[in-house]
Structures are given as C-alpha cells and as structure tokens.
Amino acid sequence: MRVAWAEFGLLDEAGFGSYEKRALVTLAVHGVSDAATLCRDGDIPTSKIYAAMEKLAQLGLIEVRRSRPQLYAALPPEPLIERLNAIARERAEQFAQASAGLRAAFDKLPRRLRSSEARVDLALGADSHVKRHVSRLAGARRRVLSYLEAGDIAAIHSLREREGFDVMKTIARQRENAALEHRVIFGFSDRTAPRLLAFLRDFAASTRNLSGVRYSGEMGHPFHVIDDEQVILALDHPFVGEGRFASLLVHDAGLAAQLAEGFEQLWQRAMKDLREIRGWPGRSGRA
C-alpha cells in the first residue's frame, strides 16, 4: 500500500504513536478491515495492532464490529477530523487545568546553590526570542505590560508565516482564560508605520481582548514585564539581517518595578488612537 505518510505528520504532533497512525490511515483506505489486513498493508507488527486499535476505539476514532474475525470500520473524513479537533481541545483544557499543580511541583523542586540561582536566560535569534521568551507571557498570573516595536512585530509575524507558530493566539487564549491584565504600547516611526498597520490587521483576533492598547514614537528598547517579577529585554541591531538577534529573560523584581514605572509614564503620554497623528497616510483630514 502506497501512502504519502508525510502528509499525515500532524497525527504525530497530536500524540499518536507510529502504529496507531498507520492503523488509522490504513483503515481509512479499506473502510472496513480485520486486524490481519491492517498488519499486512500498514506494516504493523501483530503484537502491536490490538493495542493500537483499542486506543483508537476508546478515542472514538474508529468503530469496532463484534464479529468473527473482529472487524474495524473507519469514520468518514469529516467526522474523523471533527473528533480529532475535539480530542485536541479536550487535551489542551485538561493540561491548562492541571498546569497549576505542575507549577507547584516545579516550585517545590530543590534548588542547588539557591543563593546563586540563575536569574538571566539568553535566547539567541528572533525565533528563539519568540519561542522561549515571548511565549512566557502565556504563563502570566496577574498582569503583563508590553512595549513593542518593529523588531517584535517582524519576529512574531515571520514565525507564524514560516512555521505556523502563532504566539499571539496562545497568549490571547491564556489571557482570556485567566482574565488577567495585559496592556500594550506599540512604538513606531514613519518608516515602520505600514508594518504596524499590517500587524494590527493580521493579528486583530489575538489583540481584541487586550486590556488596553496605545501608540508612541519608537524608543529603541522593547520590553515585557510579567507579574512584576520577570522582564524580557529584546536586543536589536541594524547590521543583523532580521534586526532581532537575541533577548534576555531576567528574574528581578527591582528591574521589573523600574520598567513598570516607565511603562506607566509612557502610557500616560501615548496616543489612544492612531488617528491622532496629523497627516496620517490615506487620511483626507487632520487629527
């Protein structure tokens, strides 16, 4: 049986083992089949087939017909995909509910050399900045203060386009579930304004539930403050291809307090609406 297995790689990410994936796809080819046929056409060891089919049946992804020999029936593609999506949602909700206990378990772990515990984490590259550091905003418990510039926008947007890694959606989902405060100031210039407008349009669904959004001239020092305890400092340089070459995650309440104070001062001065800008491109009147 010839199957383009690479096209079914998403099943691996969904937590299915190799034999379970092969059994599910092979059964979809036959519609109805017995275990021996699935083993032969799906290249599945006979010692593995029954455990794989039992798991698929428990998840509601196949039907079991009690007969001799026992037969298995595939679901049509549409209800199969709906069931897979439902399983993914159920697992995500279960993990979110259990994450509080996981956090407590990590907090109880013994720390070696507690007095000199690592307080700074360096992430090299724009992708690592988003995956390792920006994604931590989804773990906030109380509030997040974010000041973003063109480098942040480019890194977040590029990673979603290339790999489908949408950190904004992840953060938005947690923000809604935890009902925490998350305010954002976007810094921009005449040169970077079109990129900001495109970002706001492309990520409208993920920014809709922000606690507040304002706009300011670029400062050149993007940052995030998480729960008044952690700080993410972005590092950019014009000689680097993507601009964003690294970021620092710093565990320091004192630094977090200073940046939070600076954020509040900038928040008071920042614009509430981009239409406040005089001569904004495409506008016929004045602010």
C-alpha atoms as a PDB file:
ATOM      1  CA  MET A   1       0.000   0.000   0.000  1.00  0.00           C
ATOM      2  CA  ARG A   2       1.471   3.332  -1.094  1.00  0.00           C
ATOM      3  CA  VAL A   3       0.703   6.236   1.255  1.00  0.00           C
ATOM      4  CA  ALA A   4       2.351   9.679   1.456  1.00  0.00           C
ATOM      5  CA  TRP A   5       2.953   9.365   5.196  1.00  0.00           C
ATOM      6  CA  ALA A   6       4.477  12.860   5.421  1.00  0.00           C
ATOM      7  CA  GLU A   7       1.005  14.280   4.738  1.00  0.00           C
ATOM      8  CA  PHE A   8      -0.204  12.728   7.993  1.00  0.00           C
ATOM      9  CA  GLY A   9       2.587  14.183  10.156  1.00  0.00           C
ATOM     10  CA  LEU A  10       0.067  16.214  12.163  1.00  0.00           C
ATOM     11  CA  LEU A  11      -1.070  12.972  13.780  1.00  0.00           C
ATOM     12  CA  ASP A  12       2.413  12.613  15.305  1.00  0.00           C
ATOM     13  CA  GLU A  13       2.081  16.081  16.845  1.00  0.00           C
ATOM     14  CA  ALA A  14      -1.366  15.107  18.160  1.00  0.00           C
ATOM     15  CA  GLY A  15       0.247  12.407  20.279  1.00  0.00           C
ATOM     16  CA  PHE A  16      -0.421   9.305  18.203  1.00  0.00           C
ATOM     17  CA  GLY A  17       2.229   6.602  18.039  1.00  0.00           C
ATOM     18  CA  SER A  18       3.542   5.303  14.741  1.00  0.00           C
ATOM     19  CA  TYR A  19       1.438   2.125  14.806  1.00  0.00           C
ATOM     20  CA  GLU A  20      -1.728   3.995  15.795  1.00  0.00           C
ATOM     21  CA  LYS A  21      -1.209   6.439  12.929  1.00  0.00           C
ATOM     22  CA  ARG A  22      -0.549   3.632  10.459  1.00  0.00           C
ATOM     23  CA  ALA A  23      -3.594   1.717  11.655  1.00  0.00           C
ATOM     24  CA  LEU A  24      -5.873   4.759  11.388  1.00  0.00           C
ATOM     25  CA  VAL A  25      -4.713   5.667   7.878  1.00  0.00           C
ATOM     26  CA  THR A  26      -4.698   2.093   6.609  1.00  0.00           C
ATOM     27  CA  LEU A  27      -8.227   1.566   7.915  1.00  0.00           C
ATOM     28  CA  ALA A  28      -9.300   4.754   6.121  1.00  0.00           C
ATOM     29  CA  VAL A  29      -8.070   3.167   2.878  1.00  0.00           C
ATOM     30  CA  HIS A  30     -10.040  -0.072   3.395  1.00  0.00           C
ATOM     31  CA  GLY A  31     -13.114   1.377   5.092  1.00  0.00           C
ATOM     32  CA  VAL A  32     -13.730  -1.906   6.904  1.00  0.00           C
ATOM     33  CA  SER A  33     -10.947  -4.343   7.735  1.00  0.00           C
ATOM     34  CA  ASP A  34      -9.739  -7.035  10.070  1.00  0.00           C
ATOM     35  CA  ALA A  35      -6.533  -6.887  12.105  1.00  0.00           C
ATOM     36  CA  ALA A  36      -4.580  -9.185   9.789  1.00  0.00           C
ATOM     37  CA  THR A  37      -5.186  -6.951   6.770  1.00  0.00           C
ATOM     38  CA  LEU A  38      -4.197  -3.845   8.712  1.00  0.00           C
ATOM     39  CA  CYS A  39      -0.974  -5.514   9.824  1.00  0.00           C
ATOM     40  CA  ARG A  40      -0.124  -6.586   6.282  1.00  0.00           C
ATOM     41  CA  ASP A  41      -0.968  -3.334   4.462  1.00  0.00           C
ATOM     42  CA  GLY A  42       0.056  -0.958   7.233  1.00  0.00           C
ATOM     43  CA  ASP A  43       3.330  -2.729   8.061  1.00  0.00           C
ATOM     44  CA  ILE A  44       2.230  -3.114  11.694  1.00  0.00           C
ATOM     45  CA  PRO A  45       3.510  -5.964  13.907  1.00  0.00           C
ATOM     46  CA  THR A  46       0.766  -8.343  15.007  1.00  0.00           C
ATOM     47  CA  SER A  47       1.868  -7.796  18.612  1.00  0.00           C
ATOM     48  CA  LYS A  48       1.002  -4.085  18.327  1.00  0.00           C
ATOM     49  CA  ILE A  49      -2.200  -3.976  16.309  1.00  0.00           C
ATOM     50  CA  TYR A  50      -4.750  -4.777  19.023  1.00  0.00           C
ATOM     51  CA  ALA A  51      -3.425  -2.202  21.490  1.00  0.00           C
ATOM     52  CA  ALA A  52      -3.408   0.419  18.721  1.00  0.00           C
ATOM     53  CA  MET A  53      -6.987  -0.364  17.665  1.00  0.00           C
ATOM     54  CA  GLU A  54      -8.196  -0.389  21.271  1.00  0.00           C
ATOM     55  CA  LYS A  55      -6.797   3.092  21.812  1.00  0.00           C
ATOM     56  CA  LEU A  56      -8.339   4.396  18.581  1.00  0.00           C
ATOM     57  CA  ALA A  57     -11.687   2.898  19.575  1.00  0.00           C
ATOM     58  CA  GLN A  58     -11.540   4.439  23.065  1.00  0.00           C
ATOM     59  CA  LEU A  59     -10.907   7.842  21.477  1.00  0.00           C
ATOM     60  CA  GLY A  60     -13.930   7.413  19.217  1.00  0.00           C
ATOM     61  CA  LEU A  61     -11.855   7.486  16.030  1.00  0.00           C
ATOM     62  CA  ILE A  62     -12.966   4.086  14.703  1.00  0.00           C
ATOM     63  CA  GLU A  63     -15.881   1.693  15.140  1.00  0.00           C
ATOM     64  CA  VAL A  64     -15.494  -1.887  16.350  1.00  0.00           C
ATOM     65  CA  ARG A  65     -17.796  -4.501  14.889  1.00  0.00           C
ATOM     66  CA  ARG A  66     -18.180  -7.600  17.014  1.00  0.00           C
ATOM     67  CA  SER A  67     -17.815 -10.459  14.580  1.00  0.00           C
ATOM     68  CA  ARG A  68     -15.543 -13.374  13.785  1.00  0.00           C
ATOM     69  CA  PRO A  69     -12.977 -12.254  12.893  1.00  0.00           C
ATOM     70  CA  GLN A  70     -13.423  -8.900  14.610  1.00  0.00           C
ATOM     71  CA  LEU A  71     -13.776  -6.068  12.115  1.00  0.00           C
ATOM     72  CA  TYR A  72     -12.952  -2.380  12.375  1.00  0.00           C
ATOM     73  CA  ALA A  73     -14.715   0.406  10.483  1.00  0.00           C
ATOM     74  CA  ALA A  74     -13.293   3.808   9.598  1.00  0.00           C
ATOM     75  CA  LEU A  75     -15.133   7.080  10.147  1.00  0.00           C
ATOM     76  CA  PRO A  76     -15.747   9.339   7.132  1.00  0.00           C
ATOM     77  CA  PRO A  77     -13.109  12.127   6.856  1.00  0.00           C
ATOM     78  CA  GLU A  78     -15.307  14.978   8.125  1.00  0.00           C
ATOM     79  CA  PRO A  79     -16.484  13.407  11.419  1.00  0.00           C
ATOM     80  CA  LEU A  80     -12.981  11.960  11.877  1.00  0.00           C
ATOM     81  CA  ILE A  81     -11.387  15.418  11.702  1.00  0.00           C
ATOM     82  CA  GLU A  82     -14.084  16.857  13.970  1.00  0.00           C
ATOM     83  CA  ARG A  83     -13.333  14.152  16.540  1.00  0.00           C
ATOM     84  CA  LEU A  84      -9.565  14.788  16.275  1.00  0.00           C
ATOM     85  CA  ASN A  85     -10.165  18.504  16.865  1.00  0.00           C
ATOM     86  CA  ALA A  86     -12.354  17.715  19.858  1.00  0.00           C
ATOM     87  CA  ILE A  87      -9.636  15.472  21.318  1.00  0.00           C
ATOM     88  CA  ALA A  88      -7.054  18.244  20.860  1.00  0.00           C
ATOM     89  CA  ARG A  89      -9.322  20.737  22.648  1.00  0.00           C
ATOM     90  CA  GLU A  90     -10.005  18.300  25.486  1.00  0.00           C
ATOM     91  CA  ARG A  91      -6.302  17.658  25.997  1.00  0.00           C
ATOM     92  CA  ALA A  92      -5.495  21.382  25.930  1.00  0.00           C
ATOM     93  CA  GLU A  93      -8.198  22.111  28.511  1.00  0.00           C
ATOM     94  CA  GLN A  94      -7.023  19.261  30.737  1.00  0.00           C
ATOM     95  CA  PHE A  95      -3.437  20.474  30.551  1.00  0.00           C
ATOM     96  CA  ALA A  96      -4.468  24.046  31.355  1.00  0.00           C
ATOM     97  CA  GLN A  97      -6.420  22.856  34.398  1.00  0.00           C
ATOM     98  CA  ALA A  98      -3.532  20.708  35.595  1.00  0.00           C
ATOM     99  CA  SER A  99      -0.846  23.328  34.949  1.00  0.00           C
ATOM    100  CA  ALA A 100      -1.349  24.931  38.365  1.00  0.00           C
ATOM    101  CA  GLY A 101      -0.340  21.670  40.001  1.00  0.00           C
ATOM    102  CA  LEU A 102       2.591  21.356  37.619  1.00  0.00           C
ATOM    103  CA  ARG A 103       3.732  24.854  38.545  1.00  0.00           C
ATOM    104  CA  ALA A 104       3.575  23.952  42.234  1.00  0.00           C
ATOM    105  CA  ALA A 105       5.581  20.776  41.561  1.00  0.00           C
ATOM    106  CA  PHE A 106       8.317  22.771  39.845  1.00  0.00           C
ATOM    107  CA  ASP A 107       8.326  25.330  42.665  1.00  0.00           C
ATOM    108  CA  LYS A 108       8.910  22.546  45.218  1.00  0.00           C
ATOM    109  CA  LEU A 109      11.941  21.143  43.423  1.00  0.00           C
ATOM    110  CA  PRO A 110      15.160  21.544  45.448  1.00  0.00           C
ATOM    111  CA  ARG A 111      17.461  24.200  44.031  1.00  0.00           C
ATOM    112  CA  ARG A 112      21.200  23.737  44.059  1.00  0.00           C
ATOM    113  CA  LEU A 113      23.155  26.809  45.055  1.00  0.00           C
ATOM    114  CA  ARG A 114      19.940  28.722  45.673  1.00  0.00           C
ATOM    115  CA  SER A 115      21.842  31.885  46.561  1.00  0.00           C
ATOM    116  CA  SER A 116      23.350  31.991  43.077  1.00  0.00           C
ATOM    117  CA  GLU A 117      20.308  30.670  41.224  1.00  0.00           C
ATOM    118  CA  ALA A 118      20.379  31.574  37.528  1.00  0.00           C
ATOM    119  CA  ARG A 119      18.453  34.799  37.097  1.00  0.00           C
ATOM    120  CA  VAL A 120      19.153  35.527  33.433  1.00  0.00           C
ATOM    121  CA  ASP A 121      18.345  33.437  30.369  1.00  0.00           C
ATOM    122  CA  LEU A 122      19.729  34.353  26.943  1.00  0.00           C
ATOM    123  CA  ALA A 123      17.815  33.419  23.781  1.00  0.00           C
ATOM    124  CA  LEU A 124      19.767  33.822  20.533  1.00  0.00           C
ATOM    125  CA  GLY A 125      17.918  34.638  17.327  1.00  0.00           C
ATOM    126  CA  ALA A 126      14.497  36.032  16.530  1.00  0.00           C
ATOM    127  CA  ASP A 127      12.801  32.620  16.543  1.00  0.00           C
ATOM    128  CA  SER A 128      14.249  31.653  19.923  1.00  0.00           C
ATOM    129  CA  HIS A 129      13.237  35.050  21.292  1.00  0.00           C
ATOM    130  CA  VAL A 130       9.599  34.329  20.434  1.00  0.00           C
ATOM    131  CA  LYS A 131       9.509  30.630  21.324  1.00  0.00           C
ATOM    132  CA  ARG A 132      11.497  30.763  24.572  1.00  0.00           C
ATOM    133  CA  HIS A 133      10.722  34.199  25.920  1.00  0.00           C
ATOM    134  CA  VAL A 134       7.641  35.853  24.397  1.00  0.00           C
ATOM    135  CA  SER A 135       5.715  32.599  24.850  1.00  0.00           C
ATOM    136  CA  ARG A 136       6.199  33.005  28.620  1.00  0.00           C
ATOM    137  CA  LEU A 137       3.594  35.760  28.544  1.00  0.00           C
ATOM    138  CA  ALA A 138       1.012  32.963  28.311  1.00  0.00           C
ATOM    139  CA  GLY A 139       2.061  31.810  31.790  1.00  0.00           C
ATOM    140  CA  ALA A 140       1.386  35.143  33.491  1.00  0.00           C
ATOM    141  CA  ARG A 141      -0.882  35.035  36.539  1.00  0.00           C
ATOM    142  CA  ARG A 142      -1.624  38.703  37.258  1.00  0.00           C
ATOM    143  CA  ARG A 143      -0.592  41.152  34.571  1.00  0.00           C
ATOM    144  CA  VAL A 144       1.661  41.818  31.577  1.00  0.00           C
ATOM    145  CA  LEU A 145       2.992  45.156  30.351  1.00  0.00           C
ATOM    146  CA  SER A 146       4.394  45.097  26.813  1.00  0.00           C
ATOM    147  CA  TYR A 147       6.206  47.740  24.793  1.00  0.00           C
ATOM    148  CA  LEU A 148       6.655  46.502  21.187  1.00  0.00           C
ATOM    149  CA  GLU A 149       8.466  47.903  18.179  1.00  0.00           C
ATOM    150  CA  ALA A 150       9.120  46.879  14.572  1.00  0.00           C
ATOM    151  CA  GLY A 151      11.559  44.111  15.548  1.00  0.00           C
ATOM    152  CA  ASP A 152       8.933  42.419  17.731  1.00  0.00           C
ATOM    153  CA  ILE A 153       6.312  42.669  15.008  1.00  0.00           C
ATOM    154  CA  ALA A 154       8.661  41.208  12.392  1.00  0.00           C
ATOM    155  CA  ALA A 155       9.759  38.300  14.615  1.00  0.00           C
ATOM    156  CA  ILE A 156       6.215  37.321  15.632  1.00  0.00           C
ATOM    157  CA  HIS A 157       4.795  37.639  12.131  1.00  0.00           C
ATOM    158  CA  SER A 158       7.673  35.830  10.410  1.00  0.00           C
ATOM    159  CA  LEU A 159       7.500  32.812  12.731  1.00  0.00           C
ATOM    160  CA  ARG A 160       3.769  32.414  12.157  1.00  0.00           C
ATOM    161  CA  GLU A 161       4.195  32.622   8.385  1.00  0.00           C
ATOM    162  CA  ARG A 162       7.098  30.144   8.233  1.00  0.00           C
ATOM    163  CA  GLU A 163       6.197  27.600  10.910  1.00  0.00           C
ATOM    164  CA  GLY A 164       2.612  28.325  11.880  1.00  0.00           C
ATOM    165  CA  PHE A 165       3.792  29.192  15.416  1.00  0.00           C
ATOM    166  CA  ASP A 166       1.224  31.809  16.490  1.00  0.00           C
ATOM    167  CA  VAL A 167       2.404  33.051  19.871  1.00  0.00           C
ATOM    168  CA  MET A 168      -0.182  35.849  19.850  1.00  0.00           C
ATOM    169  CA  LYS A 169      -3.050  33.356  19.701  1.00  0.00           C
ATOM    170  CA  THR A 170      -1.558  31.330  22.570  1.00  0.00           C
ATOM    171  CA  ILE A 171      -1.148  34.430  24.731  1.00  0.00           C
ATOM    172  CA  ALA A 172      -4.654  35.664  23.883  1.00  0.00           C
ATOM    173  CA  ARG A 173      -6.208  32.324  24.858  1.00  0.00           C
ATOM    174  CA  GLN A 174      -4.494  32.325  28.254  1.00  0.00           C
ATOM    175  CA  ARG A 175      -5.304  35.992  28.777  1.00  0.00           C
ATOM    176  CA  GLU A 176      -8.971  35.237  28.249  1.00  0.00           C
ATOM    177  CA  ASN A 177      -8.952  32.118  30.445  1.00  0.00           C
ATOM    178  CA  ALA A 178      -7.122  33.800  33.322  1.00  0.00           C
ATOM    179  CA  ALA A 179      -8.827  37.204  32.901  1.00  0.00           C
ATOM    180  CA  LEU A 180      -5.501  38.930  33.544  1.00  0.00           C
ATOM    181  CA  GLU A 181      -4.460  42.472  32.662  1.00  0.00           C
ATOM    182  CA  HIS A 182      -2.366  42.860  29.530  1.00  0.00           C
ATOM    183  CA  ARG A 183      -1.659  46.337  28.210  1.00  0.00           C
ATOM    184  CA  VAL A 184       0.442  47.019  25.118  1.00  0.00           C
ATOM    185  CA  ILE A 185       2.153  50.118  23.747  1.00  0.00           C
ATOM    186  CA  PHE A 186       3.247  49.955  20.120  1.00  0.00           C
ATOM    187  CA  GLY A 187       6.236  52.129  19.258  1.00  0.00           C
ATOM    188  CA  PHE A 188       6.537  53.136  15.605  1.00  0.00           C
ATOM    189  CA  SER A 189       8.013  55.681  13.212  1.00  0.00           C
ATOM    190  CA  ASP A 190       7.021  56.910   9.751  1.00  0.00           C
ATOM    191  CA  ARG A 191       9.171  54.132   8.272  1.00  0.00           C
ATOM    192  CA  THR A 192       7.692  51.312  10.346  1.00  0.00           C
ATOM    193  CA  ALA A 193       4.069  52.539  10.468  1.00  0.00           C
ATOM    194  CA  PRO A 194       2.893  50.437   7.471  1.00  0.00           C
ATOM    195  CA  ARG A 195       4.272  47.298   9.120  1.00  0.00           C
ATOM    196  CA  LEU A 196       2.423  48.139  12.331  1.00  0.00           C
ATOM    197  CA  LEU A 197      -0.851  48.617  10.469  1.00  0.00           C
ATOM    198  CA  ALA A 198      -0.416  45.270   8.713  1.00  0.00           C
ATOM    199  CA  PHE A 199       0.329  43.566  12.047  1.00  0.00           C
ATOM    200  CA  LEU A 200      -2.760  45.040  13.701  1.00  0.00           C
ATOM    201  CA  ARG A 201      -4.855  43.837  10.799  1.00  0.00           C
ATOM    202  CA  ASP A 202      -3.343  40.328  10.629  1.00  0.00           C
ATOM    203  CA  PHE A 203      -3.482  39.742  14.397  1.00  0.00           C
ATOM    204  CA  ALA A 204      -6.785  41.526  15.072  1.00  0.00           C
ATOM    205  CA  ALA A 205      -8.368  38.391  16.554  1.00  0.00           C
ATOM    206  CA  SER A 206      -5.485  37.961  19.021  1.00  0.00           C
ATOM    207  CA  THR A 207      -5.346  41.593  20.147  1.00  0.00           C
ATOM    208  CA  ARG A 208      -9.084  42.136  20.508  1.00  0.00           C
ATOM    209  CA  ASN A 209      -9.170  41.165  24.196  1.00  0.00           C
ATOM    210  CA  LEU A 210      -6.154  43.213  25.305  1.00  0.00           C
ATOM    211  CA  SER A 211      -6.828  45.337  28.395  1.00  0.00           C
ATOM    212  CA  GLY A 212      -5.580  48.404  26.559  1.00  0.00           C
ATOM    213  CA  VAL A 213      -3.554  49.484  23.515  1.00  0.00           C
ATOM    214  CA  ARG A 214      -1.726  52.760  22.931  1.00  0.00           C
ATOM    215  CA  TYR A 215       0.801  54.104  20.432  1.00  0.00           C
ATOM    216  CA  SER A 216       4.025  56.026  20.812  1.00  0.00           C
ATOM    217  CA  GLY A 217       7.179  57.074  18.985  1.00  0.00           C
ATOM    218  CA  GLU A 218       9.934  54.458  18.963  1.00  0.00           C
ATOM    219  CA  MET A 219      12.270  54.339  21.976  1.00  0.00           C
ATOM    220  CA  GLY A 220      14.552  51.622  20.647  1.00  0.00           C
ATOM    221  CA  HIS A 221      14.243  49.380  23.728  1.00  0.00           C
ATOM    222  CA  PRO A 222      11.313  46.905  23.529  1.00  0.00           C
ATOM    223  CA  PHE A 223      10.432  45.001  26.698  1.00  0.00           C
ATOM    224  CA  HIS A 224       7.809  42.980  28.571  1.00  0.00           C
ATOM    225  CA  VAL A 225       7.115  42.924  32.311  1.00  0.00           C
ATOM    226  CA  ILE A 226       5.471  39.735  33.605  1.00  0.00           C
ATOM    227  CA  ASP A 227       3.750  39.679  37.018  1.00  0.00           C
ATOM    228  CA  ASP A 228       6.126  42.414  38.297  1.00  0.00           C
ATOM    229  CA  GLU A 229       8.767  39.687  38.659  1.00  0.00           C
ATOM    230  CA  GLN A 230      10.208  38.892  35.225  1.00  0.00           C
ATOM    231  CA  VAL A 231      11.439  41.116  32.427  1.00  0.00           C
ATOM    232  CA  ILE A 232      12.065  40.315  28.775  1.00  0.00           C
ATOM    233  CA  LEU A 233      14.542  42.677  27.122  1.00  0.00           C
ATOM    234  CA  ALA A 234      14.780  42.489  23.324  1.00  0.00           C
ATOM    235  CA  LEU A 235      18.144  43.065  21.661  1.00  0.00           C
ATOM    236  CA  ASP A 236      18.222  44.525  18.140  1.00  0.00           C
ATOM    237  CA  HIS A 237      20.945  45.753  15.816  1.00  0.00           C
ATOM    238  CA  PRO A 238      20.632  47.303  12.333  1.00  0.00           C
ATOM    239  CA  PHE A 239      23.563  45.264  10.989  1.00  0.00           C
ATOM    240  CA  VAL A 240      21.792  41.965  11.736  1.00  0.00           C
ATOM    241  CA  GLY A 241      19.561  40.609   8.957  1.00  0.00           C
ATOM    242  CA  GLU A 242      16.301  40.392  10.909  1.00  0.00           C
ATOM    243  CA  GLY A 243      17.254  43.116  13.361  1.00  0.00           C
ATOM    244  CA  ARG A 244      16.345  40.988  16.393  1.00  0.00           C
ATOM    245  CA  PHE A 245      19.424  38.951  17.311  1.00  0.00           C
ATOM    246  CA  ALA A 246      18.690  37.971  20.934  1.00  0.00           C
ATOM    247  CA  SER A 247      16.692  38.636  24.078  1.00  0.00           C
ATOM    248  CA  LEU A 248      17.202  38.364  27.810  1.00  0.00           C
ATOM    249  CA  LEU A 249      14.755  36.950  30.347  1.00  0.00           C
ATOM    250  CA  VAL A 250      15.622  38.494  33.709  1.00  0.00           C
ATOM    251  CA  HIS A 251      14.127  37.429  37.055  1.00  0.00           C
ATOM    252  CA  ASP A 252      14.460  40.637  39.040  1.00  0.00           C
ATOM    253  CA  ALA A 253      11.589  42.343  40.876  1.00  0.00           C
ATOM    254  CA  GLY A 254      13.577  45.575  41.187  1.00  0.00           C
ATOM    255  CA  LEU A 255      14.182  45.863  37.455  1.00  0.00           C
ATOM    256  CA  ALA A 256      10.569  44.882  36.792  1.00  0.00           C
ATOM    257  CA  ALA A 257       9.373  47.697  39.070  1.00  0.00           C
ATOM    258  CA  GLN A 258      11.522  50.275  37.284  1.00  0.00           C
ATOM    259  CA  LEU A 259      10.305  49.218  33.847  1.00  0.00           C
ATOM    260  CA  ALA A 260       6.699  49.085  35.041  1.00  0.00           C
ATOM    261  CA  GLU A 261       7.032  52.656  36.302  1.00  0.00           C
ATOM    262  CA  GLY A 262       8.498  53.749  32.975  1.00  0.00           C
ATOM    263  CA  PHE A 263       5.698  51.950  31.143  1.00  0.00           C
ATOM    264  CA  GLU A 264       3.059  53.822  33.177  1.00  0.00           C
ATOM    265  CA  GLN A 265       4.692  57.167  32.369  1.00  0.00           C
ATOM    266  CA  LEU A 266       4.822  56.321  28.674  1.00  0.00           C
ATOM    267  CA  TRP A 267       1.229  55.053  28.838  1.00  0.00           C
ATOM    268  CA  GLN A 268       0.023  58.460  30.021  1.00  0.00           C
ATOM    269  CA  ARG A 269       1.765  60.227  27.132  1.00  0.00           C
ATOM    270  CA  ALA A 270       0.968  57.672  24.417  1.00  0.00           C
ATOM    271  CA  MET A 271      -1.804  58.068  21.870  1.00  0.00           C
ATOM    272  CA  LYS A 272      -5.042  56.182  22.347  1.00  0.00           C
ATOM    273  CA  ASP A 273      -5.824  56.149  18.641  1.00  0.00           C
ATOM    274  CA  LEU A 274      -3.630  56.222  15.548  1.00  0.00           C
ATOM    275  CA  ARG A 275      -5.989  58.828  14.079  1.00  0.00           C
ATOM    276  CA  GLU A 276      -4.453  61.336  16.464  1.00  0.00           C
ATOM    277  CA  ILE A 277      -1.460  61.526  14.121  1.00  0.00           C
ATOM    278  CA  ARG A 278      -1.503  64.517  11.825  1.00  0.00           C
ATOM    279  CA  GLY A 279      -1.150  63.787   8.138  1.00  0.00           C
ATOM    280  CA  TRP A 280      -1.521  60.023   8.551  1.00  0.00           C
ATOM    281  CA  PRO A 281      -1.149  58.379   5.099  1.00  0.00           C
ATOM    282  CA  GLY A 282      -4.508  57.900   3.451  1.00  0.00           C
ATOM    283  CA  ARG A 283      -6.317  60.438   5.628  1.00  0.00           C
ATOM    284  CA  SER A 284      -8.000  63.411   3.992  1.00  0.00           C
ATOM    285  CA  GLY A 285      -8.373  65.494   7.114  1.00  0.00           C
ATOM    286  CA  ARG A 286      -6.259  66.379  10.119  1.00  0.00           C
ATOM    287  CA  ALA A 287      -6.282  64.991  13.632  1.00  0.00           C
END
